[in-house]
Amino acid sequence: MSKVHSVDPAHYTYRVSWSPEDDEFVGTCLELPSLSWLSASQVDALVGVQNVVTEVVADLVAEGEPVPEPLSERRYSGKFNVRLPSDLHRELAIEAAEHGLSLNRLVSDRLARN
């Protein structure tokens, strides 16, 4: 969570997708997943959820509550740990050695292709 005064709601990550259950488009915000907006139009679903997020952020700030930091403004180390079956670990290590690569480089290259 970020400081209560420094978040621009336009920096959040918004998505619009079709909802078969509602027979409308639904606009959502990744940083505030409990919020959404339904509309027959994709554009209106996006505008609707952006307006709701702006209102909620203003309320959080007014109440002195923490405001989620936009994903786009977060800093990432470039490191994360992955657990995998030992046989897959062995296969990847062998493949990396066959190609003269580190295991890290092999896995990173594979992830970048997907």
PDB file of N, CA and C in Angstrom:
ATOM      1  N   MET A   1       0.843  -1.176   0.000  1.00  0.00           N
ATOM      2  CA  MET A   1       0.000   0.000   0.000  1.00  0.00           C
ATOM      3  C   MET A   1       0.889   1.240   0.000  1.00  0.00           C
ATOM      4  N   SER A   2       0.374   2.282  -0.562  1.00  0.00           N
ATOM      5  CA  SER A   2       1.157   3.507  -0.686  1.00  0.00           C
ATOM      6  C   SER A   2       0.672   4.545   0.307  1.00  0.00           C
ATOM      7  N   LYS A   3       1.353   5.667   0.330  1.00  0.00           N
ATOM      8  CA  LYS A   3       0.921   6.803   1.129  1.00  0.00           C
ATOM      9  C   LYS A   3      -0.443   7.239   0.612  1.00  0.00           C
ATOM     10  N   VAL A   4      -1.231   7.839   1.461  1.00  0.00           N
ATOM     11  CA  VAL A   4      -2.614   8.149   1.106  1.00  0.00           C
ATOM     12  C   VAL A   4      -2.754   9.294   0.119  1.00  0.00           C
ATOM     13  N   HIS A   5      -1.741  10.068  -0.144  1.00  0.00           N
ATOM     14  CA  HIS A   5      -1.905  11.263  -0.953  1.00  0.00           C
ATOM     15  C   HIS A   5      -1.223  11.218  -2.318  1.00  0.00           C
ATOM     16  N   SER A   6      -0.558  10.147  -2.656  1.00  0.00           N
ATOM     17  CA  SER A   6       0.298  10.188  -3.832  1.00  0.00           C
ATOM     18  C   SER A   6      -0.134   9.295  -4.995  1.00  0.00           C
ATOM     19  N   VAL A   7      -1.358   8.826  -5.014  1.00  0.00           N
ATOM     20  CA  VAL A   7      -1.777   7.893  -6.063  1.00  0.00           C
ATOM     21  C   VAL A   7      -2.650   8.594  -7.095  1.00  0.00           C
ATOM     22  N   ASP A   8      -2.293   8.417  -8.355  1.00  0.00           N
ATOM     23  CA  ASP A   8      -3.110   8.902  -9.466  1.00  0.00           C
ATOM     24  C   ASP A   8      -3.907   7.713  -9.993  1.00  0.00           C
ATOM     25  N   PRO A   9      -5.236   7.702  -9.852  1.00  0.00           N
ATOM     26  CA  PRO A   9      -6.036   6.555 -10.304  1.00  0.00           C
ATOM     27  C   PRO A   9      -5.842   6.218 -11.785  1.00  0.00           C
ATOM     28  N   ALA A  10      -5.394   7.163 -12.590  1.00  0.00           N
ATOM     29  CA  ALA A  10      -5.152   6.888 -14.008  1.00  0.00           C
ATOM     30  C   ALA A  10      -3.984   5.926 -14.200  1.00  0.00           C
ATOM     31  N   HIS A  11      -3.157   5.747 -13.171  1.00  0.00           N
ATOM     32  CA  HIS A  11      -1.991   4.869 -13.271  1.00  0.00           C
ATOM     33  C   HIS A  11      -2.310   3.416 -12.943  1.00  0.00           C
ATOM     34  N   TYR A  12      -3.538   3.134 -12.537  1.00  0.00           N
ATOM     35  CA  TYR A  12      -3.918   1.761 -12.222  1.00  0.00           C
ATOM     36  C   TYR A  12      -4.064   0.922 -13.497  1.00  0.00           C
ATOM     37  N   THR A  13      -4.160  -0.392 -13.299  1.00  0.00           N
ATOM     38  CA  THR A  13      -4.282  -1.340 -14.400  1.00  0.00           C
ATOM     39  C   THR A  13      -5.751  -1.716 -14.571  1.00  0.00           C
ATOM     40  N   TYR A  14      -6.317  -1.306 -15.683  1.00  0.00           N
ATOM     41  CA  TYR A  14      -7.731  -1.555 -15.960  1.00  0.00           C
ATOM     42  C   TYR A  14      -7.882  -2.620 -17.039  1.00  0.00           C
ATOM     43  N   ARG A  15      -8.969  -3.376 -16.936  1.00  0.00           N
ATOM     44  CA  ARG A  15      -9.288  -4.393 -17.927  1.00  0.00           C
ATOM     45  C   ARG A  15     -10.790  -4.322 -18.224  1.00  0.00           C
ATOM     46  N   VAL A  16     -11.124  -4.632 -19.456  1.00  0.00           N
ATOM     47  CA  VAL A  16     -12.528  -4.758 -19.838  1.00  0.00           C
ATOM     48  C   VAL A  16     -12.677  -6.119 -20.516  1.00  0.00           C
ATOM     49  N   SER A  17     -13.635  -6.891 -20.062  1.00  0.00           N
ATOM     50  CA  SER A  17     -13.875  -8.200 -20.668  1.00  0.00           C
ATOM     51  C   SER A  17     -15.383  -8.448 -20.735  1.00  0.00           C
ATOM     52  N   TRP A  18     -15.744  -9.403 -21.564  1.00  0.00           N
ATOM     53  CA  TRP A  18     -17.144  -9.768 -21.712  1.00  0.00           C
ATOM     54  C   TRP A  18     -17.546 -10.682 -20.570  1.00  0.00           C
ATOM     55  N   SER A  19     -18.707 -10.423 -19.975  1.00  0.00           N
ATOM     56  CA  SER A  19     -19.242 -11.275 -18.918  1.00  0.00           C
ATOM     57  C   SER A  19     -20.467 -12.011 -19.444  1.00  0.00           C
ATOM     58  N   PRO A  20     -20.322 -13.306 -19.780  1.00  0.00           N
ATOM     59  CA  PRO A  20     -21.485 -14.059 -20.270  1.00  0.00           C
ATOM     60  C   PRO A  20     -22.609 -14.130 -19.223  1.00  0.00           C
ATOM     61  N   GLU A  21     -22.237 -14.169 -17.939  1.00  0.00           N
ATOM     62  CA  GLU A  21     -23.240 -14.252 -16.877  1.00  0.00           C
ATOM     63  C   GLU A  21     -24.117 -13.007 -16.832  1.00  0.00           C
ATOM     64  N   ASP A  22     -23.495 -11.850 -17.084  1.00  0.00           N
ATOM     65  CA  ASP A  22     -24.219 -10.584 -17.019  1.00  0.00           C
ATOM     66  C   ASP A  22     -24.701 -10.110 -18.392  1.00  0.00           C
ATOM     67  N   ASP A  23     -24.187 -10.746 -19.444  1.00  0.00           N
ATOM     68  CA  ASP A  23     -24.507 -10.355 -20.815  1.00  0.00           C
ATOM     69  C   ASP A  23     -24.141  -8.892 -21.074  1.00  0.00           C
ATOM     70  N   GLU A  24     -23.008  -8.479 -20.462  1.00  0.00           N
ATOM     71  CA  GLU A  24     -22.490  -7.122 -20.614  1.00  0.00           C
ATOM     72  C   GLU A  24     -20.975  -7.160 -20.463  1.00  0.00           C
ATOM     73  N   PHE A  25     -20.346  -6.048 -20.790  1.00  0.00           N
ATOM     74  CA  PHE A  25     -18.917  -5.905 -20.546  1.00  0.00           C
ATOM     75  C   PHE A  25     -18.712  -5.515 -19.090  1.00  0.00           C
ATOM     76  N   VAL A  26     -17.615  -6.005 -18.519  1.00  0.00           N
ATOM     77  CA  VAL A  26     -17.292  -5.649 -17.140  1.00  0.00           C
ATOM     78  C   VAL A  26     -15.911  -5.006 -17.109  1.00  0.00           C
ATOM     79  N   GLY A  27     -15.852  -3.832 -16.503  1.00  0.00           N
ATOM     80  CA  GLY A  27     -14.587  -3.137 -16.309  1.00  0.00           C
ATOM     81  C   GLY A  27     -14.086  -3.419 -14.910  1.00  0.00           C
ATOM     82  N   THR A  28     -12.796  -3.732 -14.787  1.00  0.00           N
ATOM     83  CA  THR A  28     -12.204  -4.038 -13.485  1.00  0.00           C
ATOM     84  C   THR A  28     -10.869  -3.321 -13.344  1.00  0.00           C
ATOM     85  N   CYS A  29     -10.391  -3.284 -12.102  1.00  0.00           N
ATOM     86  CA  CYS A  29      -9.104  -2.671 -11.788  1.00  0.00           C
ATOM     87  C   CYS A  29      -8.307  -3.693 -10.984  1.00  0.00           C
ATOM     88  N   LEU A  30      -7.129  -4.078 -11.478  1.00  0.00           N
ATOM     89  CA  LEU A  30      -6.339  -5.106 -10.813  1.00  0.00           C
ATOM     90  C   LEU A  30      -5.964  -4.720  -9.384  1.00  0.00           C
ATOM     91  N   GLU A  31      -5.646  -3.467  -9.157  1.00  0.00           N
ATOM     92  CA  GLU A  31      -5.204  -3.032  -7.834  1.00  0.00           C
ATOM     93  C   GLU A  31      -6.356  -2.959  -6.831  1.00  0.00           C
ATOM     94  N   LEU A  32      -7.571  -2.839  -7.306  1.00  0.00           N
ATOM     95  CA  LEU A  32      -8.762  -2.790  -6.447  1.00  0.00           C
ATOM     96  C   LEU A  32      -9.773  -3.811  -6.979  1.00  0.00           C
ATOM     97  N   PRO A  33      -9.509  -5.105  -6.773  1.00  0.00           N
ATOM     98  CA  PRO A  33     -10.294  -6.166  -7.419  1.00  0.00           C
ATOM     99  C   PRO A  33     -11.747  -6.262  -6.977  1.00  0.00           C
ATOM    100  N   SER A  34     -12.121  -5.623  -5.885  1.00  0.00           N
ATOM    101  CA  SER A  34     -13.517  -5.696  -5.453  1.00  0.00           C
ATOM    102  C   SER A  34     -14.408  -4.718  -6.221  1.00  0.00           C
ATOM    103  N   LEU A  35     -13.800  -3.849  -7.043  1.00  0.00           N
ATOM    104  CA  LEU A  35     -14.567  -2.861  -7.792  1.00  0.00           C
ATOM    105  C   LEU A  35     -14.767  -3.306  -9.233  1.00  0.00           C
ATOM    106  N   SER A  36     -15.948  -3.007  -9.782  1.00  0.00           N
ATOM    107  CA  SER A  36     -16.207  -3.314 -11.194  1.00  0.00           C
ATOM    108  C   SER A  36     -17.338  -2.421 -11.685  1.00  0.00           C
ATOM    109  N   TRP A  37     -17.518  -2.425 -13.015  1.00  0.00           N
ATOM    110  CA  TRP A  37     -18.595  -1.652 -13.630  1.00  0.00           C
ATOM    111  C   TRP A  37     -19.097  -2.418 -14.849  1.00  0.00           C
ATOM    112  N   LEU A  38     -20.401  -2.606 -14.927  1.00  0.00           N
ATOM    113  CA  LEU A  38     -21.015  -3.312 -16.044  1.00  0.00           C
ATOM    114  C   LEU A  38     -21.627  -2.316 -17.025  1.00  0.00           C
ATOM    115  N   SER A  39     -21.506  -2.632 -18.319  1.00  0.00           N
ATOM    116  CA  SER A  39     -22.109  -1.791 -19.350  1.00  0.00           C
ATOM    117  C   SER A  39     -22.243  -2.597 -20.639  1.00  0.00           C
ATOM    118  N   ALA A  40     -23.163  -2.168 -21.485  1.00  0.00           N
ATOM    119  CA  ALA A  40     -23.336  -2.801 -22.797  1.00  0.00           C
ATOM    120  C   ALA A  40     -22.195  -2.437 -23.735  1.00  0.00           C
ATOM    121  N   SER A  41     -21.438  -1.394 -23.403  1.00  0.00           N
ATOM    122  CA  SER A  41     -20.341  -0.915 -24.248  1.00  0.00           C
ATOM    123  C   SER A  41     -19.008  -1.094 -23.534  1.00  0.00           C
ATOM    124  N   GLN A  42     -17.980  -1.493 -24.294  1.00  0.00           N
ATOM    125  CA  GLN A  42     -16.641  -1.631 -23.719  1.00  0.00           C
ATOM    126  C   GLN A  42     -16.137  -0.296 -23.182  1.00  0.00           C
ATOM    127  N   VAL A  43     -16.324   0.745 -23.946  1.00  0.00           N
ATOM    128  CA  VAL A  43     -15.843   2.074 -23.540  1.00  0.00           C
ATOM    129  C   VAL A  43     -16.539   2.527 -22.257  1.00  0.00           C
ATOM    130  N   ASP A  44     -17.851   2.333 -22.186  1.00  0.00           N
ATOM    131  CA  ASP A  44     -18.584   2.747 -20.989  1.00  0.00           C
ATOM    132  C   ASP A  44     -18.196   1.917 -19.768  1.00  0.00           C
ATOM    133  N   ALA A  45     -17.866   0.648 -19.974  1.00  0.00           N
ATOM    134  CA  ALA A  45     -17.413  -0.187 -18.861  1.00  0.00           C
ATOM    135  C   ALA A  45     -16.081   0.331 -18.325  1.00  0.00           C
ATOM    136  N   LEU A  46     -15.187   0.726 -19.237  1.00  0.00           N
ATOM    137  CA  LEU A  46     -13.896   1.271 -18.825  1.00  0.00           C
ATOM    138  C   LEU A  46     -14.062   2.602 -18.101  1.00  0.00           C
ATOM    139  N   VAL A  47     -14.821   3.498 -18.683  1.00  0.00           N
ATOM    140  CA  VAL A  47     -15.040   4.809 -18.067  1.00  0.00           C
ATOM    141  C   VAL A  47     -15.726   4.645 -16.706  1.00  0.00           C
ATOM    142  N   GLY A  48     -16.696   3.743 -16.642  1.00  0.00           N
ATOM    143  CA  GLY A  48     -17.411   3.511 -15.386  1.00  0.00           C
ATOM    144  C   GLY A  48     -16.506   3.039 -14.275  1.00  0.00           C
ATOM    145  N   VAL A  49     -15.658   2.044 -14.550  1.00  0.00           N
ATOM    146  CA  VAL A  49     -14.777   1.538 -13.491  1.00  0.00           C
ATOM    147  C   VAL A  49     -13.725   2.581 -13.126  1.00  0.00           C
ATOM    148  N   GLN A  50     -13.251   3.350 -14.097  1.00  0.00           N
ATOM    149  CA  GLN A  50     -12.296   4.418 -13.778  1.00  0.00           C
ATOM    150  C   GLN A  50     -12.931   5.448 -12.851  1.00  0.00           C
ATOM    151  N   ASN A  51     -14.179   5.794 -13.096  1.00  0.00           N
ATOM    152  CA  ASN A  51     -14.870   6.749 -12.227  1.00  0.00           C
ATOM    153  C   ASN A  51     -15.057   6.204 -10.817  1.00  0.00           C
ATOM    154  N   VAL A  52     -15.440   4.930 -10.709  1.00  0.00           N
ATOM    155  CA  VAL A  52     -15.622   4.307  -9.401  1.00  0.00           C
ATOM    156  C   VAL A  52     -14.287   4.282  -8.644  1.00  0.00           C
ATOM    157  N   VAL A  53     -13.214   3.907  -9.324  1.00  0.00           N
ATOM    158  CA  VAL A  53     -11.899   3.856  -8.692  1.00  0.00           C
ATOM    159  C   VAL A  53     -11.499   5.250  -8.207  1.00  0.00           C
ATOM    160  N   THR A  54     -11.715   6.257  -9.024  1.00  0.00           N
ATOM    161  CA  THR A  54     -11.375   7.628  -8.635  1.00  0.00           C
ATOM    162  C   THR A  54     -12.124   8.034  -7.367  1.00  0.00           C
ATOM    163  N   GLU A  55     -13.416   7.693  -7.297  1.00  0.00           N
ATOM    164  CA  GLU A  55     -14.213   8.005  -6.110  1.00  0.00           C
ATOM    165  C   GLU A  55     -13.711   7.253  -4.877  1.00  0.00           C
ATOM    166  N   VAL A  56     -13.421   5.974  -5.041  1.00  0.00           N
ATOM    167  CA  VAL A  56     -12.961   5.161  -3.910  1.00  0.00           C
ATOM    168  C   VAL A  56     -11.601   5.653  -3.410  1.00  0.00           C
ATOM    169  N   VAL A  57     -10.695   5.971  -4.325  1.00  0.00           N
ATOM    170  CA  VAL A  57      -9.380   6.484  -3.925  1.00  0.00           C
ATOM    171  C   VAL A  57      -9.546   7.798  -3.160  1.00  0.00           C
ATOM    172  N   ALA A  58     -10.409   8.680  -3.645  1.00  0.00           N
ATOM    173  CA  ALA A  58     -10.659   9.944  -2.944  1.00  0.00           C
ATOM    174  C   ALA A  58     -11.204   9.689  -1.545  1.00  0.00           C
ATOM    175  N   ASP A  59     -12.122   8.722  -1.410  1.00  0.00           N
ATOM    176  CA  ASP A  59     -12.658   8.377  -0.086  1.00  0.00           C
ATOM    177  C   ASP A  59     -11.577   7.821   0.821  1.00  0.00           C
ATOM    178  N   LEU A  60     -10.719   6.944   0.304  1.00  0.00           N
ATOM    179  CA  LEU A  60      -9.637   6.381   1.112  1.00  0.00           C
ATOM    180  C   LEU A  60      -8.708   7.491   1.604  1.00  0.00           C
ATOM    181  N   VAL A  61      -8.358   8.410   0.718  1.00  0.00           N
ATOM    182  CA  VAL A  61      -7.488   9.524   1.092  1.00  0.00           C
ATOM    183  C   VAL A  61      -8.163  10.379   2.160  1.00  0.00           C
ATOM    184  N   ALA A  62      -9.437  10.694   1.962  1.00  0.00           N
ATOM    185  CA  ALA A  62     -10.178  11.524   2.914  1.00  0.00           C
ATOM    186  C   ALA A  62     -10.245  10.884   4.301  1.00  0.00           C
ATOM    187  N   GLU A  63     -10.309   9.565   4.329  1.00  0.00           N
ATOM    188  CA  GLU A  63     -10.390   8.833   5.596  1.00  0.00           C
ATOM    189  C   GLU A  63      -9.020   8.501   6.181  1.00  0.00           C
ATOM    190  N   GLY A  64      -7.959   8.860   5.461  1.00  0.00           N
ATOM    191  CA  GLY A  64      -6.611   8.555   5.936  1.00  0.00           C
ATOM    192  C   GLY A  64      -6.252   7.089   5.828  1.00  0.00           C
ATOM    193  N   GLU A  65      -6.962   6.375   4.965  1.00  0.00           N
ATOM    194  CA  GLU A  65      -6.719   4.941   4.768  1.00  0.00           C
ATOM    195  C   GLU A  65      -5.628   4.742   3.715  1.00  0.00           C
ATOM    196  N   PRO A  66      -4.914   3.622   3.783  1.00  0.00           N
ATOM    197  CA  PRO A  66      -3.909   3.344   2.748  1.00  0.00           C
ATOM    198  C   PRO A  66      -4.560   3.111   1.384  1.00  0.00           C
ATOM    199  N   VAL A  67      -3.862   3.550   0.352  1.00  0.00           N
ATOM    200  CA  VAL A  67      -4.334   3.421  -1.026  1.00  0.00           C
ATOM    201  C   VAL A  67      -3.387   2.463  -1.754  1.00  0.00           C
ATOM    202  N   PRO A  68      -3.924   1.477  -2.470  1.00  0.00           N
ATOM    203  CA  PRO A  68      -3.038   0.540  -3.176  1.00  0.00           C
ATOM    204  C   PRO A  68      -2.130   1.266  -4.176  1.00  0.00           C
ATOM    205  N   GLU A  69      -0.891   0.844  -4.218  1.00  0.00           N
ATOM    206  CA  GLU A  69       0.071   1.406  -5.162  1.00  0.00           C
ATOM    207  C   GLU A  69      -0.177   0.810  -6.546  1.00  0.00           C
ATOM    208  N   PRO A  70      -0.196   1.644  -7.593  1.00  0.00           N
ATOM    209  CA  PRO A  70      -0.370   1.108  -8.943  1.00  0.00           C
ATOM    210  C   PRO A  70       0.747   0.121  -9.298  1.00  0.00           C
ATOM    211  N   LEU A  71       0.381  -0.964  -9.970  1.00  0.00           N
ATOM    212  CA  LEU A  71       1.375  -1.949 -10.403  1.00  0.00           C
ATOM    213  C   LEU A  71       2.451  -1.296 -11.256  1.00  0.00           C
ATOM    214  N   SER A  72       2.061  -0.312 -12.057  1.00  0.00           N
ATOM    215  CA  SER A  72       3.013   0.350 -12.949  1.00  0.00           C
ATOM    216  C   SER A  72       4.068   1.155 -12.209  1.00  0.00           C
ATOM    217  N   GLU A  73       3.822   1.485 -10.954  1.00  0.00           N
ATOM    218  CA  GLU A  73       4.764   2.286 -10.188  1.00  0.00           C
ATOM    219  C   GLU A  73       5.573   1.467  -9.185  1.00  0.00           C
ATOM    220  N   ARG A  74       5.270   0.190  -9.076  1.00  0.00           N
ATOM    221  CA  ARG A  74       6.010  -0.677  -8.153  1.00  0.00           C
ATOM    222  C   ARG A  74       7.370  -1.004  -8.742  1.00  0.00           C
ATOM    223  N   ARG A  75       8.326  -1.216  -7.882  1.00  0.00           N
ATOM    224  CA  ARG A  75       9.675  -1.604  -8.305  1.00  0.00           C
ATOM    225  C   ARG A  75       9.821  -3.103  -8.087  1.00  0.00           C
ATOM    226  N   TYR A  76      10.382  -3.777  -9.090  1.00  0.00           N
ATOM    227  CA  TYR A  76      10.565  -5.223  -9.034  1.00  0.00           C
ATOM    228  C   TYR A  76      12.050  -5.539  -9.068  1.00  0.00           C
ATOM    229  N   SER A  77      12.469  -6.519  -8.284  1.00  0.00           N
ATOM    230  CA  SER A  77      13.882  -6.869  -8.175  1.00  0.00           C
ATOM    231  C   SER A  77      14.384  -7.674  -9.376  1.00  0.00           C
ATOM    232  N   GLY A  78      13.476  -8.333 -10.084  1.00  0.00           N
ATOM    233  CA  GLY A  78      13.892  -9.210 -11.166  1.00  0.00           C
ATOM    234  C   GLY A  78      14.200 -10.619 -10.666  1.00  0.00           C
ATOM    235  N   LYS A  79      13.911 -10.860  -9.396  1.00  0.00           N
ATOM    236  CA  LYS A  79      14.158 -12.184  -8.821  1.00  0.00           C
ATOM    237  C   LYS A  79      12.875 -12.738  -8.221  1.00  0.00           C
ATOM    238  N   PHE A  80      12.672 -14.042  -8.423  1.00  0.00           N
ATOM    239  CA  PHE A  80      11.628 -14.752  -7.703  1.00  0.00           C
ATOM    240  C   PHE A  80      12.005 -16.232  -7.683  1.00  0.00           C
ATOM    241  N   ASN A  81      11.571 -16.919  -6.658  1.00  0.00           N
ATOM    242  CA  ASN A  81      11.889 -18.341  -6.514  1.00  0.00           C
ATOM    243  C   ASN A  81      10.732 -19.181  -7.026  1.00  0.00           C
ATOM    244  N   VAL A  82      11.078 -20.274  -7.691  1.00  0.00           N
ATOM    245  CA  VAL A  82      10.072 -21.176  -8.219  1.00  0.00           C
ATOM    246  C   VAL A  82      10.375 -22.583  -7.725  1.00  0.00           C
ATOM    247  N   ARG A  83       9.362 -23.236  -7.197  1.00  0.00           N
ATOM    248  CA  ARG A  83       9.517 -24.637  -6.810  1.00  0.00           C
ATOM    249  C   ARG A  83       8.978 -25.489  -7.949  1.00  0.00           C
ATOM    250  N   LEU A  84       9.728 -26.544  -8.289  1.00  0.00           N
ATOM    251  CA  LEU A  84       9.297 -27.434  -9.352  1.00  0.00           C
ATOM    252  C   LEU A  84       9.740 -28.847  -9.015  1.00  0.00           C
ATOM    253  N   PRO A  85       9.130 -29.823  -9.665  1.00  0.00           N
ATOM    254  CA  PRO A  85       9.502 -31.215  -9.393  1.00  0.00           C
ATOM    255  C   PRO A  85      10.986 -31.448  -9.702  1.00  0.00           C
ATOM    256  N   SER A  86      11.621 -32.312  -8.910  1.00  0.00           N
ATOM    257  CA  SER A  86      13.060 -32.556  -9.063  1.00  0.00           C
ATOM    258  C   SER A  86      13.406 -33.114 -10.446  1.00  0.00           C
ATOM    259  N   ASP A  87      12.531 -33.941 -11.022  1.00  0.00           N
ATOM    260  CA  ASP A  87      12.828 -34.475 -12.355  1.00  0.00           C
ATOM    261  C   ASP A  87      12.814 -33.377 -13.423  1.00  0.00           C
ATOM    262  N   LEU A  88      11.917 -32.397 -13.296  1.00  0.00           N
ATOM    263  CA  LEU A  88      11.908 -31.268 -14.229  1.00  0.00           C
ATOM    264  C   LEU A  88      13.151 -30.401 -14.025  1.00  0.00           C
ATOM    265  N   HIS A  89      13.547 -30.206 -12.784  1.00  0.00           N
ATOM    266  CA  HIS A  89      14.765 -29.450 -12.477  1.00  0.00           C
ATOM    267  C   HIS A  89      15.967 -30.101 -13.169  1.00  0.00           C
ATOM    268  N   ARG A  90      16.053 -31.422 -13.068  1.00  0.00           N
ATOM    269  CA  ARG A  90      17.150 -32.160 -13.697  1.00  0.00           C
ATOM    270  C   ARG A  90      17.108 -31.997 -15.218  1.00  0.00           C
ATOM    271  N   GLU A  91      15.925 -32.160 -15.826  1.00  0.00           N
ATOM    272  CA  GLU A  91      15.791 -31.998 -17.280  1.00  0.00           C
ATOM    273  C   GLU A  91      16.238 -30.619 -17.741  1.00  0.00           C
ATOM    274  N   LEU A  92      15.829 -29.594 -17.018  1.00  0.00           N
ATOM    275  CA  LEU A  92      16.206 -28.229 -17.385  1.00  0.00           C
ATOM    276  C   LEU A  92      17.703 -27.997 -17.214  1.00  0.00           C
ATOM    277  N   ALA A  93      18.268 -28.534 -16.143  1.00  0.00           N
ATOM    278  CA  ALA A  93      19.708 -28.383 -15.916  1.00  0.00           C
ATOM    279  C   ALA A  93      20.506 -29.063 -17.035  1.00  0.00           C
ATOM    280  N   ILE A  94      20.064 -30.237 -17.453  1.00  0.00           N
ATOM    281  CA  ILE A  94      20.732 -30.950 -18.549  1.00  0.00           C
ATOM    282  C   ILE A  94      20.606 -30.158 -19.844  1.00  0.00           C
ATOM    283  N   GLU A  95      19.411 -29.667 -20.133  1.00  0.00           N
ATOM    284  CA  GLU A  95      19.208 -28.891 -21.360  1.00  0.00           C
ATOM    285  C   GLU A  95      20.056 -27.614 -21.346  1.00  0.00           C
ATOM    286  N   ALA A  96      20.125 -26.952 -20.211  1.00  0.00           N
ATOM    287  CA  ALA A  96      20.945 -25.743 -20.106  1.00  0.00           C
ATOM    288  C   ALA A  96      22.407 -26.067 -20.371  1.00  0.00           C
ATOM    289  N   ALA A  97      22.896 -27.161 -19.791  1.00  0.00           N
ATOM    290  CA  ALA A  97      24.291 -27.565 -19.995  1.00  0.00           C
ATOM    291  C   ALA A  97      24.555 -27.910 -21.461  1.00  0.00           C
ATOM    292  N   GLU A  98      23.609 -28.581 -22.094  1.00  0.00           N
ATOM    293  CA  GLU A  98      23.765 -28.938 -23.510  1.00  0.00           C
ATOM    294  C   GLU A  98      23.866 -27.699 -24.405  1.00  0.00           C
ATOM    295  N   HIS A  99      23.212 -26.626 -24.009  1.00  0.00           N
ATOM    296  CA  HIS A  99      23.225 -25.392 -24.787  1.00  0.00           C
ATOM    297  C   HIS A  99      24.265 -24.385 -24.294  1.00  0.00           C
ATOM    298  N   GLY A 100      25.030 -24.770 -23.281  1.00  0.00           N
ATOM    299  CA  GLY A 100      26.051 -23.878 -22.746  1.00  0.00           C
ATOM    300  C   GLY A 100      25.465 -22.652 -22.060  1.00  0.00           C
ATOM    301  N   LEU A 101      24.305 -22.825 -21.449  1.00  0.00           N
ATOM    302  CA  LEU A 101      23.630 -21.728 -20.760  1.00  0.00           C
ATOM    303  C   LEU A 101      23.522 -22.017 -19.276  1.00  0.00           C
ATOM    304  N   SER A 102      23.352 -20.974 -18.497  1.00  0.00           N
ATOM    305  CA  SER A 102      23.013 -21.192 -17.095  1.00  0.00           C
ATOM    306  C   SER A 102      21.553 -21.617 -17.032  1.00  0.00           C
ATOM    307  N   LEU A 103      21.196 -22.282 -15.970  1.00  0.00           N
ATOM    308  CA  LEU A 103      19.804 -22.684 -15.782  1.00  0.00           C
ATOM    309  C   LEU A 103      18.916 -21.444 -15.738  1.00  0.00           C
ATOM    310  N   ASN A 104      19.383 -20.408 -15.070  1.00  0.00           N
ATOM    311  CA  ASN A 104      18.629 -19.166 -14.979  1.00  0.00           C
ATOM    312  C   ASN A 104      18.348 -18.589 -16.370  1.00  0.00           C
ATOM    313  N   ARG A 105      19.360 -18.558 -17.228  1.00  0.00           N
ATOM    314  CA  ARG A 105      19.209 -18.003 -18.573  1.00  0.00           C
ATOM    315  C   ARG A 105      18.231 -18.828 -19.401  1.00  0.00           C
ATOM    316  N   LEU A 106      18.331 -20.147 -19.311  1.00  0.00           N
ATOM    317  CA  LEU A 106      17.424 -21.026 -20.050  1.00  0.00           C
ATOM    318  C   LEU A 106      15.975 -20.753 -19.647  1.00  0.00           C
ATOM    319  N   VAL A 107      15.713 -20.719 -18.353  1.00  0.00           N
ATOM    320  CA  VAL A 107      14.338 -20.515 -17.869  1.00  0.00           C
ATOM    321  C   VAL A 107      13.861 -19.108 -18.211  1.00  0.00           C
ATOM    322  N   SER A 108      14.711 -18.121 -18.057  1.00  0.00           N
ATOM    323  CA  SER A 108      14.344 -16.751 -18.400  1.00  0.00           C
ATOM    324  C   SER A 108      13.995 -16.619 -19.882  1.00  0.00           C
ATOM    325  N   ASP A 109      14.801 -17.245 -20.749  1.00  0.00           N
ATOM    326  CA  ASP A 109      14.509 -17.221 -22.187  1.00  0.00           C
ATOM    327  C   ASP A 109      13.176 -17.899 -22.494  1.00  0.00           C
ATOM    328  N   ARG A 110      12.901 -18.996 -21.830  1.00  0.00           N
ATOM    329  CA  ARG A 110      11.626 -19.701 -22.054  1.00  0.00           C
ATOM    330  C   ARG A 110      10.439 -18.858 -21.609  1.00  0.00           C
ATOM    331  N   LEU A 111      10.564 -18.221 -20.475  1.00  0.00           N
ATOM    332  CA  LEU A 111       9.482 -17.382 -19.989  1.00  0.00           C
ATOM    333  C   LEU A 111       9.244 -16.194 -20.916  1.00  0.00           C
ATOM    334  N   ALA A 112      10.304 -15.644 -21.462  1.00  0.00           N
ATOM    335  CA  ALA A 112      10.188 -14.486 -22.354  1.00  0.00           C
ATOM    336  C   ALA A 112       9.466 -14.861 -23.646  1.00  0.00           C
ATOM    337  N   ARG A 113       9.544 -16.096 -24.065  1.00  0.00           N
ATOM    338  CA  ARG A 113       8.879 -16.536 -25.297  1.00  0.00           C
ATOM    339  C   ARG A 113       7.389 -16.762 -25.101  1.00  0.00           C
ATOM    340  N   ASN A 114       6.940 -16.908 -23.874  1.00  0.00           N
ATOM    341  CA  ASN A 114       5.521 -17.216 -23.623  1.00  0.00           C
ATOM    342  C   ASN A 114       4.724 -16.011 -23.298  1.00  0.00           C
TER     343      ASN A 114
END
